[in-house]
Protein backbone atom coordinates (compact mmCIF):
# COMPACT_ATOMS: atom_id res chain seq x y z
CA MET A 1 0.00 0.00 0.00
CA VAL A 2 2.84 2.41 0.79
CA TYR A 3 4.32 1.83 -2.67
CA LEU A 4 0.97 2.58 -4.29
CA ARG A 5 0.33 5.70 -2.19
CA ASN A 6 3.80 7.12 -2.91
CA SER A 7 3.37 6.28 -6.59
CA PHE A 8 0.25 8.45 -6.71
CA LEU A 9 2.12 11.33 -5.05
CA ALA A 10 4.97 10.96 -7.53
CA ALA A 11 2.51 10.85 -10.44
CA PHE A 12 1.01 14.20 -9.41
CA HIS A 13 4.49 15.65 -8.99
CA PHE A 14 5.72 14.54 -12.40
CA ALA A 15 2.47 15.52 -14.11
CA ALA A 16 3.06 19.05 -12.83
CA ALA A 17 6.67 18.89 -14.02
CA GLU A 18 5.45 18.08 -17.54
CA ASP A 19 2.28 20.17 -17.88
CA PRO A 20 2.51 23.94 -17.16
CA GLY A 21 -1.26 24.08 -16.68
CA PHE A 22 -1.34 21.35 -14.04
CA GLY A 23 -2.18 23.11 -10.77
CA HIS A 24 0.11 21.19 -8.46
CA PRO A 25 3.43 22.25 -6.92
CA ARG A 26 6.63 21.02 -8.53
CA PHE A 27 7.97 20.09 -5.12
CA LEU A 28 7.65 16.71 -3.44
CA LEU A 29 9.01 15.63 -0.06
CA MET A 30 8.81 11.89 0.53
CA ASP A 31 9.51 10.83 4.08
CA THR A 32 7.28 7.80 4.36
CA ILE A 33 8.80 5.30 1.97
CA GLU A 34 10.25 3.08 4.71
CA ASP A 35 7.97 4.00 7.60
CA LYS A 36 5.19 1.61 6.74
CA GLY A 37 7.28 -1.49 6.23
CA MET A 38 8.46 -1.21 2.63
CA GLU A 39 11.19 -3.78 2.08
CA GLN A 40 14.71 -2.46 1.55
CA GLU A 41 15.10 -3.69 -2.04
CA ARG A 42 11.67 -2.37 -3.03
CA SER A 43 12.50 1.00 -1.46
CA LYS A 44 15.79 1.21 -3.34
CA HIS A 45 14.11 0.24 -6.61
CA PHE A 46 11.47 2.93 -6.06
CA GLN A 47 14.22 5.51 -5.41
CA LYS A 48 15.96 4.58 -8.66
CA LEU A 49 12.70 4.87 -10.61
CA LEU A 50 12.06 8.32 -9.11
CA ALA A 51 15.59 9.49 -9.96
CA LEU A 52 15.29 8.22 -13.53
CA ARG A 53 11.93 9.93 -13.99
CA SER A 54 13.23 13.13 -12.40
CA GLU A 55 16.14 13.32 -14.82
CA SER A 56 13.79 13.07 -17.80
CA ALA A 57 11.34 15.75 -16.58
CA SER A 58 10.97 18.72 -18.89
CA SER A 59 10.82 21.46 -16.25
CA ASP A 60 12.52 22.47 -13.02
CA HIS A 61 11.22 20.63 -9.98
CA GLN A 62 12.44 19.42 -6.62
CA LEU A 63 12.12 15.93 -5.22
CA ILE A 64 13.39 15.15 -1.74
CA ILE A 65 13.48 11.57 -0.46
CA ALA A 66 14.32 11.19 3.21
CA THR A 67 15.69 7.68 3.59
CA SER A 68 18.00 5.65 5.76
CA MET A 69 18.38 3.03 3.01
CA ILE A 70 19.67 4.87 -0.05
CA ALA A 71 20.19 2.94 -3.27
CA ASP A 72 23.90 2.42 -3.98
CA GLU A 73 23.61 4.12 -7.38
CA LEU A 74 22.20 7.25 -5.74
CA ASP A 75 24.75 7.46 -2.94
CA ASP A 76 26.50 10.22 -4.87
CA PRO A 77 27.02 13.97 -4.24
CA LYS A 78 24.91 14.60 -7.35
CA TYR A 79 21.86 13.45 -5.40
CA ILE A 80 22.72 13.83 -1.72
CA VAL A 81 22.42 16.97 0.34
CA GLY A 82 23.82 17.16 3.85
CA LYS A 83 25.44 14.65 6.12
CA LYS A 84 24.94 10.92 6.23
CA TYR A 85 23.97 9.74 9.69
CA THR A 86 24.75 6.30 11.08
CA HIS A 87 24.62 4.61 14.45
CA GLU A 88 28.11 5.95 15.13
CA ASN A 89 27.44 9.42 13.64
CA ARG A 90 24.06 10.28 15.15
CA THR A 91 21.94 13.31 14.31
CA LEU A 92 22.06 14.43 17.91
CA ASN A 93 25.55 14.31 19.39
CA ILE A 94 25.61 14.63 23.14
CA LEU A 95 29.05 15.06 24.63
CA THR A 96 29.63 13.56 28.04
CA THR A 97 32.52 14.51 30.29
């Protein structure tokens, strides 16, 4: 279900990126791909499909995918913004003395 729901969101986004008269923002933030139990390989495949579709869009748009399981092909400065957080490099660093 999460794949289907996110596919609908992506369809609206890319329709707006192709049709100037389509009244939908050309911005999409996806932060729920993994939250509802999408399997890792399916999530990575979905990311690759979104990147491929994004590169072929005919207008400027922005697509942000918040993920902890990035596809290897997309783990590149061309696609990534900001730091990569791991168990050792946490988002919240608390120093203890």
